[in-house]
Amino acid sequence: MPALTVFSRCQPTPAHDHPRPDRLVAGNPLRTTWQYFASDDASRSAGIWQCQPGAWRIAFATGKDEFFCIIEGRIRITDSDGQAAEFGPGEAGVIPSGFTGTFEVLAAVRKYYVVMEPAA
């Protein structure tokens, strides 16, 4: 039987990165990810992500969806048509498969995330 994942009982090693240079819009924010869960086939993952202020272009692959809920800070996501939505603490959203636009961190952010994508 699969084990229950309890975030408060886990201590994953953080992974650090920056947006790809060709996608940067503003700044060069440090992004840190703590992955608490990954399915055996790597098609699903969940954890906590944090980032400093900055902005970059995003392009989600076909079949990749992300649910998120902001813990602290503020972000703005703008689609390729210019429609924007802002999210703060307690607010949640889904970035759908095939989405293109801009992801902007307005105030240092921490969020829960769940990513679902086709198995590798």
PDB file of N, CA and C in Angstrom:
ATOM      1  N   MET A   1       0.855  -1.181   0.000  1.00  0.00           N
ATOM      2  CA  MET A   1       0.000   0.000   0.000  1.00  0.00           C
ATOM      3  C   MET A   1       0.899   1.241   0.000  1.00  0.00           C
ATOM      4  N   PRO A   2       0.591   2.218  -0.843  1.00  0.00           N
ATOM      5  CA  PRO A   2       1.380   3.454  -0.864  1.00  0.00           C
ATOM      6  C   PRO A   2       1.287   4.195   0.470  1.00  0.00           C
ATOM      7  N   ALA A   3       2.372   4.856   0.827  1.00  0.00           N
ATOM      8  CA  ALA A   3       2.427   5.606   2.078  1.00  0.00           C
ATOM      9  C   ALA A   3       1.837   7.002   1.894  1.00  0.00           C
ATOM     10  N   LEU A   4       1.181   7.488   2.930  1.00  0.00           N
ATOM     11  CA  LEU A   4       0.654   8.845   2.961  1.00  0.00           C
ATOM     12  C   LEU A   4       1.820   9.829   3.017  1.00  0.00           C
ATOM     13  N   THR A   5       1.757  10.904   2.252  1.00  0.00           N
ATOM     14  CA  THR A   5       2.779  11.953   2.305  1.00  0.00           C
ATOM     15  C   THR A   5       2.284  13.058   3.228  1.00  0.00           C
ATOM     16  N   VAL A   6       2.998  13.291   4.313  1.00  0.00           N
ATOM     17  CA  VAL A   6       2.669  14.339   5.276  1.00  0.00           C
ATOM     18  C   VAL A   6       3.796  15.367   5.205  1.00  0.00           C
ATOM     19  N   PHE A   7       3.505  16.525   4.636  1.00  0.00           N
ATOM     20  CA  PHE A   7       4.551  17.524   4.413  1.00  0.00           C
ATOM     21  C   PHE A   7       5.315  17.850   5.692  1.00  0.00           C
ATOM     22  N   SER A   8       4.623  17.988   6.815  1.00  0.00           N
ATOM     23  CA  SER A   8       5.284  18.380   8.057  1.00  0.00           C
ATOM     24  C   SER A   8       6.240  17.311   8.583  1.00  0.00           C
ATOM     25  N   ARG A   9       6.163  16.104   8.040  1.00  0.00           N
ATOM     26  CA  ARG A   9       7.053  15.013   8.461  1.00  0.00           C
ATOM     27  C   ARG A   9       8.194  14.778   7.468  1.00  0.00           C
ATOM     28  N   CYS A  10       8.217  15.527   6.396  1.00  0.00           N
ATOM     29  CA  CYS A  10       9.227  15.347   5.348  1.00  0.00           C
ATOM     30  C   CYS A  10      10.255  16.465   5.415  1.00  0.00           C
ATOM     31  N   GLN A  11      11.448  16.164   4.953  1.00  0.00           N
ATOM     32  CA  GLN A  11      12.503  17.175   4.848  1.00  0.00           C
ATOM     33  C   GLN A  11      13.223  17.013   3.504  1.00  0.00           C
ATOM     34  N   PRO A  12      12.524  17.339   2.415  1.00  0.00           N
ATOM     35  CA  PRO A  12      13.166  17.178   1.106  1.00  0.00           C
ATOM     36  C   PRO A  12      14.327  18.165   0.927  1.00  0.00           C
ATOM     37  N   THR A  13      15.291  17.760   0.134  1.00  0.00           N
ATOM     38  CA  THR A  13      16.407  18.633  -0.207  1.00  0.00           C
ATOM     39  C   THR A  13      15.922  19.669  -1.210  1.00  0.00           C
ATOM     40  N   PRO A  14      16.159  20.951  -0.950  1.00  0.00           N
ATOM     41  CA  PRO A  14      15.689  21.964  -1.897  1.00  0.00           C
ATOM     42  C   PRO A  14      16.499  21.955  -3.189  1.00  0.00           C
ATOM     43  N   ALA A  15      15.822  22.258  -4.290  1.00  0.00           N
ATOM     44  CA  ALA A  15      16.464  22.437  -5.595  1.00  0.00           C
ATOM     45  C   ALA A  15      16.373  23.919  -5.939  1.00  0.00           C
ATOM     46  N   HIS A  16      17.463  24.483  -6.431  1.00  0.00           N
ATOM     47  CA  HIS A  16      17.520  25.908  -6.753  1.00  0.00           C
ATOM     48  C   HIS A  16      17.740  26.092  -8.249  1.00  0.00           C
ATOM     49  N   ASP A  17      17.077  27.106  -8.816  1.00  0.00           N
ATOM     50  CA  ASP A  17      17.308  27.449 -10.212  1.00  0.00           C
ATOM     51  C   ASP A  17      16.894  28.888 -10.463  1.00  0.00           C
ATOM     52  N   HIS A  18      17.101  29.318 -11.695  1.00  0.00           N
ATOM     53  CA  HIS A  18      16.695  30.640 -12.177  1.00  0.00           C
ATOM     54  C   HIS A  18      15.949  30.423 -13.493  1.00  0.00           C
ATOM     55  N   PRO A  19      15.110  31.366 -13.888  1.00  0.00           N
ATOM     56  CA  PRO A  19      14.468  31.243 -15.209  1.00  0.00           C
ATOM     57  C   PRO A  19      15.540  31.193 -16.308  1.00  0.00           C
ATOM     58  N   ARG A  20      15.210  30.514 -17.397  1.00  0.00           N
ATOM     59  CA  ARG A  20      16.130  30.475 -18.529  1.00  0.00           C
ATOM     60  C   ARG A  20      16.361  31.900 -19.045  1.00  0.00           C
ATOM     61  N   PRO A  21      17.595  32.242 -19.381  1.00  0.00           N
ATOM     62  CA  PRO A  21      17.897  33.608 -19.844  1.00  0.00           C
ATOM     63  C   PRO A  21      17.037  34.069 -21.014  1.00  0.00           C
ATOM     64  N   ASP A  22      16.685  33.153 -21.933  1.00  0.00           N
ATOM     65  CA  ASP A  22      15.882  33.540 -23.091  1.00  0.00           C
ATOM     66  C   ASP A  22      14.430  33.815 -22.735  1.00  0.00           C
ATOM     67  N   ARG A  23      14.029  33.497 -21.509  1.00  0.00           N
ATOM     68  CA  ARG A  23      12.647  33.741 -21.081  1.00  0.00           C
ATOM     69  C   ARG A  23      12.516  34.900 -20.086  1.00  0.00           C
ATOM     70  N   LEU A  24      13.643  35.409 -19.589  1.00  0.00           N
ATOM     71  CA  LEU A  24      13.608  36.490 -18.602  1.00  0.00           C
ATOM     72  C   LEU A  24      12.953  37.750 -19.151  1.00  0.00           C
ATOM     73  N   VAL A  25      12.116  38.356 -18.301  1.00  0.00           N
ATOM     74  CA  VAL A  25      11.476  39.632 -18.619  1.00  0.00           C
ATOM     75  C   VAL A  25      12.000  40.701 -17.668  1.00  0.00           C
ATOM     76  N   ALA A  26      12.149  40.355 -16.373  1.00  0.00           N
ATOM     77  CA  ALA A  26      12.639  41.297 -15.363  1.00  0.00           C
ATOM     78  C   ALA A  26      13.359  40.536 -14.263  1.00  0.00           C
ATOM     79  N   GLY A  27      14.513  41.062 -13.836  1.00  0.00           N
ATOM     80  CA  GLY A  27      15.275  40.446 -12.759  1.00  0.00           C
ATOM     81  C   GLY A  27      15.883  39.118 -13.185  1.00  0.00           C
ATOM     82  N   ASN A  28      16.379  38.377 -12.198  1.00  0.00           N
ATOM     83  CA  ASN A  28      16.880  37.018 -12.396  1.00  0.00           C
ATOM     84  C   ASN A  28      16.622  36.274 -11.082  1.00  0.00           C
ATOM     85  N   PRO A  29      15.337  36.075 -10.752  1.00  0.00           N
ATOM     86  CA  PRO A  29      14.977  35.577  -9.428  1.00  0.00           C
ATOM     87  C   PRO A  29      15.450  34.158  -9.144  1.00  0.00           C
ATOM     88  N   LEU A  30      15.880  33.953  -7.901  1.00  0.00           N
ATOM     89  CA  LEU A  30      16.206  32.620  -7.422  1.00  0.00           C
ATOM     90  C   LEU A  30      14.898  31.912  -7.103  1.00  0.00           C
ATOM     91  N   ARG A  31      14.760  30.689  -7.642  1.00  0.00           N
ATOM     92  CA  ARG A  31      13.577  29.864  -7.390  1.00  0.00           C
ATOM     93  C   ARG A  31      14.029  28.644  -6.604  1.00  0.00           C
ATOM     94  N   THR A  32      13.264  28.288  -5.578  1.00  0.00           N
ATOM     95  CA  THR A  32      13.598  27.134  -4.740  1.00  0.00           C
ATOM     96  C   THR A  32      12.390  26.218  -4.676  1.00  0.00           C
ATOM     97  N   THR A  33      12.635  24.936  -4.913  1.00  0.00           N
ATOM     98  CA  THR A  33      11.563  23.943  -4.913  1.00  0.00           C
ATOM     99  C   THR A  33      11.873  22.840  -3.916  1.00  0.00           C
ATOM    100  N   TRP A  34      10.885  22.540  -3.079  1.00  0.00           N
ATOM    101  CA  TRP A  34      10.942  21.381  -2.186  1.00  0.00           C
ATOM    102  C   TRP A  34       9.890  20.401  -2.701  1.00  0.00           C
ATOM    103  N   GLN A  35      10.334  19.312  -3.309  1.00  0.00           N
ATOM    104  CA  GLN A  35       9.399  18.312  -3.832  1.00  0.00           C
ATOM    105  C   GLN A  35       9.131  17.279  -2.730  1.00  0.00           C
ATOM    106  N   TYR A  36       7.899  17.264  -2.268  1.00  0.00           N
ATOM    107  CA  TYR A  36       7.495  16.357  -1.191  1.00  0.00           C
ATOM    108  C   TYR A  36       6.949  15.036  -1.722  1.00  0.00           C
ATOM    109  N   PHE A  37       6.446  15.050  -2.939  1.00  0.00           N
ATOM    110  CA  PHE A  37       5.834  13.846  -3.504  1.00  0.00           C
ATOM    111  C   PHE A  37       6.126  13.773  -4.993  1.00  0.00           C
ATOM    112  N   ALA A  38       6.405  12.566  -5.474  1.00  0.00           N
ATOM    113  CA  ALA A  38       6.501  12.288  -6.907  1.00  0.00           C
ATOM    114  C   ALA A  38       5.964  10.888  -7.130  1.00  0.00           C
ATOM    115  N   SER A  39       5.084  10.735  -8.106  1.00  0.00           N
ATOM    116  CA  SER A  39       4.543   9.412  -8.418  1.00  0.00           C
ATOM    117  C   SER A  39       5.653   8.538  -9.001  1.00  0.00           C
ATOM    118  N   ASP A  40       5.464   7.239  -8.951  1.00  0.00           N
ATOM    119  CA  ASP A  40       6.466   6.302  -9.461  1.00  0.00           C
ATOM    120  C   ASP A  40       6.813   6.544 -10.923  1.00  0.00           C
ATOM    121  N   ASP A  41       5.834   6.965 -11.713  1.00  0.00           N
ATOM    122  CA  ASP A  41       6.083   7.199 -13.140  1.00  0.00           C
ATOM    123  C   ASP A  41       6.424   8.665 -13.451  1.00  0.00           C
ATOM    124  N   ALA A  42       6.598   9.478 -12.403  1.00  0.00           N
ATOM    125  CA  ALA A  42       6.961  10.897 -12.537  1.00  0.00           C
ATOM    126  C   ALA A  42       5.901  11.738 -13.246  1.00  0.00           C
ATOM    127  N   SER A  43       4.665  11.259 -13.299  1.00  0.00           N
ATOM    128  CA  SER A  43       3.610  12.016 -13.971  1.00  0.00           C
ATOM    129  C   SER A  43       2.912  13.006 -13.029  1.00  0.00           C
ATOM    130  N   ARG A  44       3.153  12.874 -11.735  1.00  0.00           N
ATOM    131  CA  ARG A  44       2.549  13.764 -10.746  1.00  0.00           C
ATOM    132  C   ARG A  44       3.587  14.113  -9.684  1.00  0.00           C
ATOM    133  N   SER A  45       3.576  15.377  -9.266  1.00  0.00           N
ATOM    134  CA  SER A  45       4.466  15.802  -8.184  1.00  0.00           C
ATOM    135  C   SER A  45       3.778  16.899  -7.386  1.00  0.00           C
ATOM    136  N   ALA A  46       4.237  17.059  -6.140  1.00  0.00           N
ATOM    137  CA  ALA A  46       3.654  18.069  -5.269  1.00  0.00           C
ATOM    138  C   ALA A  46       4.724  18.560  -4.304  1.00  0.00           C
ATOM    139  N   GLY A  47       4.582  19.820  -3.902  1.00  0.00           N
ATOM    140  CA  GLY A  47       5.548  20.363  -2.968  1.00  0.00           C
ATOM    141  C   GLY A  47       5.306  21.826  -2.686  1.00  0.00           C
ATOM    142  N   ILE A  48       6.388  22.484  -2.301  1.00  0.00           N
ATOM    143  CA  ILE A  48       6.375  23.920  -2.007  1.00  0.00           C
ATOM    144  C   ILE A  48       7.425  24.578  -2.883  1.00  0.00           C
ATOM    145  N   TRP A  49       7.062  25.718  -3.449  1.00  0.00           N
ATOM    146  CA  TRP A  49       7.948  26.475  -4.331  1.00  0.00           C
ATOM    147  C   TRP A  49       8.007  27.896  -3.816  1.00  0.00           C
ATOM    148  N   GLN A  50       9.196  28.489  -3.829  1.00  0.00           N
ATOM    149  CA  GLN A  50       9.316  29.899  -3.452  1.00  0.00           C
ATOM    150  C   GLN A  50      10.197  30.610  -4.454  1.00  0.00           C
ATOM    151  N   CYS A  51       9.992  31.928  -4.543  1.00  0.00           N
ATOM    152  CA  CYS A  51      10.719  32.705  -5.542  1.00  0.00           C
ATOM    153  C   CYS A  51      10.792  34.167  -5.123  1.00  0.00           C
ATOM    154  N   GLN A  52      11.885  34.800  -5.496  1.00  0.00           N
ATOM    155  CA  GLN A  52      12.073  36.231  -5.290  1.00  0.00           C
ATOM    156  C   GLN A  52      11.402  36.996  -6.441  1.00  0.00           C
ATOM    157  N   PRO A  53      11.183  38.305  -6.282  1.00  0.00           N
ATOM    158  CA  PRO A  53      10.535  39.081  -7.349  1.00  0.00           C
ATOM    159  C   PRO A  53      11.282  39.023  -8.684  1.00  0.00           C
ATOM    160  N   GLY A  54      10.505  39.012  -9.744  1.00  0.00           N
ATOM    161  CA  GLY A  54      11.023  38.962 -11.108  1.00  0.00           C
ATOM    162  C   GLY A  54       9.926  38.489 -12.035  1.00  0.00           C
ATOM    163  N   ALA A  55      10.223  38.407 -13.322  1.00  0.00           N
ATOM    164  CA  ALA A  55       9.216  37.973 -14.298  1.00  0.00           C
ATOM    165  C   ALA A  55       9.895  37.213 -15.432  1.00  0.00           C
ATOM    166  N   TRP A  56       9.157  36.233 -15.987  1.00  0.00           N
ATOM    167  CA  TRP A  56       9.654  35.450 -17.113  1.00  0.00           C
ATOM    168  C   TRP A  56       8.482  34.895 -17.900  1.00  0.00           C
ATOM    169  N   ARG A  57       8.756  34.557 -19.158  1.00  0.00           N
ATOM    170  CA  ARG A  57       7.737  33.958 -20.010  1.00  0.00           C
ATOM    171  C   ARG A  57       7.615  32.472 -19.686  1.00  0.00           C
ATOM    172  N   ILE A  58       6.368  31.967 -19.696  1.00  0.00           N
ATOM    173  CA  ILE A  58       6.127  30.540 -19.463  1.00  0.00           C
ATOM    174  C   ILE A  58       5.387  29.950 -20.655  1.00  0.00           C
ATOM    175  N   ALA A  59       5.629  28.660 -20.876  1.00  0.00           N
ATOM    176  CA  ALA A  59       4.950  27.917 -21.941  1.00  0.00           C
ATOM    177  C   ALA A  59       4.775  26.485 -21.444  1.00  0.00           C
ATOM    178  N   PHE A  60       3.561  26.145 -21.027  1.00  0.00           N
ATOM    179  CA  PHE A  60       3.301  24.806 -20.497  1.00  0.00           C
ATOM    180  C   PHE A  60       3.148  23.803 -21.634  1.00  0.00           C
ATOM    181  N   ALA A  61       3.777  22.662 -21.475  1.00  0.00           N
ATOM    182  CA  ALA A  61       3.709  21.594 -22.476  1.00  0.00           C
ATOM    183  C   ALA A  61       2.294  21.038 -22.554  1.00  0.00           C
ATOM    184  N   THR A  62       1.978  20.442 -23.681  1.00  0.00           N
ATOM    185  CA  THR A  62       0.698  19.772 -23.846  1.00  0.00           C
ATOM    186  C   THR A  62       0.602  18.644 -22.824  1.00  0.00           C
ATOM    187  N   GLY A  63      -0.504  18.603 -22.096  1.00  0.00           N
ATOM    188  CA  GLY A  63      -0.722  17.571 -21.091  1.00  0.00           C
ATOM    189  C   GLY A  63      -0.234  17.932 -19.700  1.00  0.00           C
ATOM    190  N   LYS A  64       0.482  19.060 -19.544  1.00  0.00           N
ATOM    191  CA  LYS A  64       0.983  19.472 -18.228  1.00  0.00           C
ATOM    192  C   LYS A  64       0.044  20.510 -17.625  1.00  0.00           C
ATOM    193  N   ASP A  65      -0.455  20.233 -16.420  1.00  0.00           N
ATOM    194  CA  ASP A  65      -1.318  21.159 -15.678  1.00  0.00           C
ATOM    195  C   ASP A  65      -0.700  21.379 -14.303  1.00  0.00           C
ATOM    196  N   GLU A  66      -0.867  22.580 -13.763  1.00  0.00           N
ATOM    197  CA  GLU A  66      -0.393  22.854 -12.408  1.00  0.00           C
ATOM    198  C   GLU A  66      -1.478  23.528 -11.584  1.00  0.00           C
ATOM    199  N   PHE A  67      -1.811  22.923 -10.447  1.00  0.00           N
ATOM    200  CA  PHE A  67      -2.641  23.563  -9.431  1.00  0.00           C
ATOM    201  C   PHE A  67      -1.678  24.207  -8.438  1.00  0.00           C
ATOM    202  N   PHE A  68      -2.024  25.421  -7.961  1.00  0.00           N
ATOM    203  CA  PHE A  68      -1.203  26.074  -6.940  1.00  0.00           C
ATOM    204  C   PHE A  68      -2.086  26.820  -5.957  1.00  0.00           C
ATOM    205  N   CYS A  69      -1.543  27.027  -4.760  1.00  0.00           N
ATOM    206  CA  CYS A  69      -2.198  27.831  -3.728  1.00  0.00           C
ATOM    207  C   CYS A  69      -1.113  28.658  -3.047  1.00  0.00           C
ATOM    208  N   ILE A  70      -1.298  29.968  -3.017  1.00  0.00           N
ATOM    209  CA  ILE A  70      -0.299  30.876  -2.456  1.00  0.00           C
ATOM    210  C   ILE A  70      -0.324  30.798  -0.931  1.00  0.00           C
ATOM    211  N   ILE A  71       0.865  30.628  -0.347  1.00  0.00           N
ATOM    212  CA  ILE A  71       1.022  30.633   1.112  1.00  0.00           C
ATOM    213  C   ILE A  71       1.310  32.056   1.574  1.00  0.00           C
ATOM    214  N   GLU A  72       2.269  32.702   0.887  1.00  0.00           N
ATOM    215  CA  GLU A  72       2.615  34.099   1.193  1.00  0.00           C
ATOM    216  C   GLU A  72       3.174  34.750  -0.051  1.00  0.00           C
ATOM    217  N   GLY A  73       3.085  36.085  -0.110  1.00  0.00           N
ATOM    218  CA  GLY A  73       3.577  36.826  -1.262  1.00  0.00           C
ATOM    219  C   GLY A  73       2.480  37.093  -2.281  1.00  0.00           C
ATOM    220  N   ARG A  74       2.895  37.495  -3.471  1.00  0.00           N
ATOM    221  CA  ARG A  74       1.923  37.858  -4.507  1.00  0.00           C
ATOM    222  C   ARG A  74       2.528  37.605  -5.885  1.00  0.00           C
ATOM    223  N   ILE A  75       1.684  37.047  -6.790  1.00  0.00           N
ATOM    224  CA  ILE A  75       2.090  36.807  -8.175  1.00  0.00           C
ATOM    225  C   ILE A  75       1.042  37.369  -9.130  1.00  0.00           C
ATOM    226  N   ARG A  76       1.470  37.566 -10.368  1.00  0.00           N
ATOM    227  CA  ARG A  76       0.550  37.919 -11.446  1.00  0.00           C
ATOM    228  C   ARG A  76       0.887  36.997 -12.621  1.00  0.00           C
ATOM    229  N   ILE A  77      -0.145  36.381 -13.188  1.00  0.00           N
ATOM    230  CA  ILE A  77       0.021  35.556 -14.376  1.00  0.00           C
ATOM    231  C   ILE A  77      -0.774  36.222 -15.493  1.00  0.00           C
ATOM    232  N   THR A  78      -0.100  36.480 -16.609  1.00  0.00           N
ATOM    233  CA  THR A  78      -0.727  37.142 -17.744  1.00  0.00           C
ATOM    234  C   THR A  78      -0.661  36.205 -18.944  1.00  0.00           C
ATOM    235  N   ASP A  79      -1.804  35.971 -19.589  1.00  0.00           N
ATOM    236  CA  ASP A  79      -1.801  35.074 -20.746  1.00  0.00           C
ATOM    237  C   ASP A  79      -1.314  35.818 -21.992  1.00  0.00           C
ATOM    238  N   SER A  80      -1.126  35.085 -23.072  1.00  0.00           N
ATOM    239  CA  SER A  80      -0.578  35.672 -24.295  1.00  0.00           C
ATOM    240  C   SER A  80      -1.512  36.700 -24.944  1.00  0.00           C
ATOM    241  N   ASP A  81      -2.783  36.747 -24.508  1.00  0.00           N
ATOM    242  CA  ASP A  81      -3.719  37.766 -24.993  1.00  0.00           C
ATOM    243  C   ASP A  81      -3.732  39.012 -24.119  1.00  0.00           C
ATOM    244  N   GLY A  82      -2.932  39.009 -23.043  1.00  0.00           N
ATOM    245  CA  GLY A  82      -2.849  40.164 -22.156  1.00  0.00           C
ATOM    246  C   GLY A  82      -3.800  40.138 -20.980  1.00  0.00           C
ATOM    247  N   GLN A  83      -4.557  39.068 -20.797  1.00  0.00           N
ATOM    248  CA  GLN A  83      -5.469  38.953 -19.653  1.00  0.00           C
ATOM    249  C   GLN A  83      -4.666  38.521 -18.425  1.00  0.00           C
ATOM    250  N   ALA A  84      -4.753  39.291 -17.330  1.00  0.00           N
ATOM    251  CA  ALA A  84      -3.948  39.023 -16.141  1.00  0.00           C
ATOM    252  C   ALA A  84      -4.817  38.656 -14.942  1.00  0.00           C
ATOM    253  N   ALA A  85      -4.235  37.852 -14.052  1.00  0.00           N
ATOM    254  CA  ALA A  85      -4.867  37.524 -12.777  1.00  0.00           C
ATOM    255  C   ALA A  85      -3.782  37.576 -11.709  1.00  0.00           C
ATOM    256  N   GLU A  86      -4.127  38.177 -10.551  1.00  0.00           N
ATOM    257  CA  GLU A  86      -3.200  38.234  -9.426  1.00  0.00           C
ATOM    258  C   GLU A  86      -3.681  37.304  -8.330  1.00  0.00           C
ATOM    259  N   PHE A  87      -2.717  36.744  -7.594  1.00  0.00           N
ATOM    260  CA  PHE A  87      -2.999  35.797  -6.522  1.00  0.00           C
ATOM    261  C   PHE A  87      -2.175  36.170  -5.302  1.00  0.00           C
ATOM    262  N   GLY A  88      -2.824  36.155  -4.130  1.00  0.00           N
ATOM    263  CA  GLY A  88      -2.160  36.409  -2.862  1.00  0.00           C
ATOM    264  C   GLY A  88      -2.439  35.267  -1.901  1.00  0.00           C
ATOM    265  N   PRO A  89      -2.059  35.418  -0.636  1.00  0.00           N
ATOM    266  CA  PRO A  89      -2.212  34.349   0.341  1.00  0.00           C
ATOM    267  C   PRO A  89      -3.632  33.770   0.390  1.00  0.00           C
ATOM    268  N   GLY A  90      -3.698  32.432   0.324  1.00  0.00           N
ATOM    269  CA  GLY A  90      -4.969  31.724   0.384  1.00  0.00           C
ATOM    270  C   GLY A  90      -5.665  31.584  -0.951  1.00  0.00           C
ATOM    271  N   GLU A  91      -5.177  32.260  -1.989  1.00  0.00           N
ATOM    272  CA  GLU A  91      -5.809  32.175  -3.306  1.00  0.00           C
ATOM    273  C   GLU A  91      -5.146  31.073  -4.129  1.00  0.00           C
ATOM    274  N   ALA A  92      -5.930  30.428  -4.976  1.00  0.00           N
ATOM    275  CA  ALA A  92      -5.465  29.280  -5.746  1.00  0.00           C
ATOM    276  C   ALA A  92      -5.859  29.426  -7.202  1.00  0.00           C
ATOM    277  N   GLY A  93      -5.187  28.656  -8.049  1.00  0.00           N
ATOM    278  CA  GLY A  93      -5.493  28.654  -9.470  1.00  0.00           C
ATOM    279  C   GLY A  93      -4.903  27.433 -10.142  1.00  0.00           C
ATOM    280  N   VAL A  94      -5.196  27.312 -11.431  1.00  0.00           N
ATOM    281  CA  VAL A  94      -4.654  26.229 -12.250  1.00  0.00           C
ATOM    282  C   VAL A  94      -4.068  26.836 -13.512  1.00  0.00           C
ATOM    283  N   ILE A  95      -2.813  26.480 -13.811  1.00  0.00           N
ATOM    284  CA  ILE A  95      -2.198  26.836 -15.083  1.00  0.00           C
ATOM    285  C   ILE A  95      -2.412  25.615 -15.977  1.00  0.00           C
ATOM    286  N   PRO A  96      -3.197  25.766 -17.048  1.00  0.00           N
ATOM    287  CA  PRO A  96      -3.570  24.603 -17.854  1.00  0.00           C
ATOM    288  C   PRO A  96      -2.542  24.222 -18.920  1.00  0.00           C
ATOM    289  N   SER A  97      -2.695  23.029 -19.385  1.00  0.00           N
ATOM    290  CA  SER A  97      -1.904  22.490 -20.485  1.00  0.00           C
ATOM    291  C   SER A  97      -1.909  23.459 -21.666  1.00  0.00           C
ATOM    292  N   GLY A  98      -0.735  23.719 -22.242  1.00  0.00           N
ATOM    293  CA  GLY A  98      -0.637  24.573 -23.411  1.00  0.00           C
ATOM    294  C   GLY A  98      -0.636  26.067 -23.136  1.00  0.00           C
ATOM    295  N   PHE A  99      -0.738  26.474 -21.863  1.00  0.00           N
ATOM    296  CA  PHE A  99      -0.786  27.895 -21.508  1.00  0.00           C
ATOM    297  C   PHE A  99       0.527  28.577 -21.872  1.00  0.00           C
ATOM    298  N   THR A 100       0.433  29.773 -22.448  1.00  0.00           N
ATOM    299  CA  THR A 100       1.606  30.608 -22.686  1.00  0.00           C
ATOM    300  C   THR A 100       1.321  32.000 -22.145  1.00  0.00           C
ATOM    301  N   GLY A 101       2.349  32.628 -21.607  1.00  0.00           N
ATOM    302  CA  GLY A 101       2.181  33.968 -21.063  1.00  0.00           C
ATOM    303  C   GLY A 101       3.377  34.356 -20.221  1.00  0.00           C
ATOM    304  N   THR A 102       3.107  35.198 -19.221  1.00  0.00           N
ATOM    305  CA  THR A 102       4.158  35.713 -18.341  1.00  0.00           C
ATOM    306  C   THR A 102       3.804  35.409 -16.891  1.00  0.00           C
ATOM    307  N   PHE A 103       4.797  34.965 -16.138  1.00  0.00           N
ATOM    308  CA  PHE A 103       4.666  34.707 -14.709  1.00  0.00           C
ATOM    309  C   PHE A 103       5.492  35.766 -14.003  1.00  0.00           C
ATOM    310  N   GLU A 104       4.844  36.552 -13.129  1.00  0.00           N
ATOM    311  CA  GLU A 104       5.526  37.641 -12.441  1.00  0.00           C
ATOM    312  C   GLU A 104       5.360  37.502 -10.937  1.00  0.00           C
ATOM    313  N   VAL A 105       6.482  37.525 -10.229  1.00  0.00           N
ATOM    314  CA  VAL A 105       6.464  37.515  -8.771  1.00  0.00           C
ATOM    315  C   VAL A 105       6.540  38.971  -8.323  1.00  0.00           C
ATOM    316  N   LEU A 106       5.445  39.463  -7.744  1.00  0.00           N
ATOM    317  CA  LEU A 106       5.355  40.864  -7.321  1.00  0.00           C
ATOM    318  C   LEU A 106       5.965  41.081  -5.940  1.00  0.00           C
ATOM    319  N   ALA A 107       5.802  40.094  -5.047  1.00  0.00           N
ATOM    320  CA  ALA A 107       6.383  40.101  -3.700  1.00  0.00           C
ATOM    321  C   ALA A 107       6.823  38.672  -3.426  1.00  0.00           C
ATOM    322  N   ALA A 108       8.001  38.514  -2.841  1.00  0.00           N
ATOM    323  CA  ALA A 108       8.558  37.180  -2.599  1.00  0.00           C
ATOM    324  C   ALA A 108       7.429  36.212  -2.243  1.00  0.00           C
ATOM    325  N   VAL A 109       7.391  35.084  -2.940  1.00  0.00           N
ATOM    326  CA  VAL A 109       6.241  34.184  -2.863  1.00  0.00           C
ATOM    327  C   VAL A 109       6.649  32.792  -2.397  1.00  0.00           C
ATOM    328  N   ARG A 110       5.709  32.141  -1.721  1.00  0.00           N
ATOM    329  CA  ARG A 110       5.764  30.714  -1.383  1.00  0.00           C
ATOM    330  C   ARG A 110       4.414  30.153  -1.755  1.00  0.00           C
ATOM    331  N   LYS A 111       4.418  28.998  -2.421  1.00  0.00           N
ATOM    332  CA  LYS A 111       3.149  28.397  -2.813  1.00  0.00           C
ATOM    333  C   LYS A 111       3.240  26.883  -2.723  1.00  0.00           C
ATOM    334  N   TYR A 112       2.078  26.266  -2.480  1.00  0.00           N
ATOM    335  CA  TYR A 112       1.942  24.828  -2.648  1.00  0.00           C
ATOM    336  C   TYR A 112       1.691  24.602  -4.129  1.00  0.00           C
ATOM    337  N   TYR A 113       2.199  23.494  -4.661  1.00  0.00           N
ATOM    338  CA  TYR A 113       1.932  23.165  -6.056  1.00  0.00           C
ATOM    339  C   TYR A 113       1.660  21.677  -6.209  1.00  0.00           C
ATOM    340  N   VAL A 114       0.880  21.354  -7.227  1.00  0.00           N
ATOM    341  CA  VAL A 114       0.671  19.984  -7.686  1.00  0.00           C
ATOM    342  C   VAL A 114       0.766  20.043  -9.205  1.00  0.00           C
ATOM    343  N   VAL A 115       1.703  19.291  -9.776  1.00  0.00           N
ATOM    344  CA  VAL A 115       1.894  19.246 -11.222  1.00  0.00           C
ATOM    345  C   VAL A 115       1.494  17.871 -11.719  1.00  0.00           C
ATOM    346  N   MET A 116       0.696  17.860 -12.789  1.00  0.00           N
ATOM    347  CA  MET A 116       0.277  16.626 -13.443  1.00  0.00           C
ATOM    348  C   MET A 116       0.693  16.723 -14.895  1.00  0.00           C
ATOM    349  N   GLU A 117       1.449  15.726 -15.375  1.00  0.00           N
ATOM    350  CA  GLU A 117       1.890  15.719 -16.755  1.00  0.00           C
ATOM    351  C   GLU A 117       2.048  14.284 -17.227  1.00  0.00           C
ATOM    352  N   PRO A 118       2.097  14.092 -18.541  1.00  0.00           N
ATOM    353  CA  PRO A 118       2.210  12.722 -19.055  1.00  0.00           C
ATOM    354  C   PRO A 118       3.450  12.021 -18.495  1.00  0.00           C
ATOM    355  N   ALA A 119       3.351  10.729 -18.298  1.00  0.00           N
ATOM    356  CA  ALA A 119       4.479   9.952 -17.808  1.00  0.00           C
ATOM    357  C   ALA A 119       5.636  10.050 -18.790  1.00  0.00           C
ATOM    358  N   ALA A 120       6.831  10.079 -18.238  1.00  0.00           N
ATOM    359  CA  ALA A 120       8.042  10.191 -19.068  1.00  0.00           C
ATOM    360  C   ALA A 120       8.264   8.956 -19.909  1.00  0.00           C
TER     361      ALA A 120
END
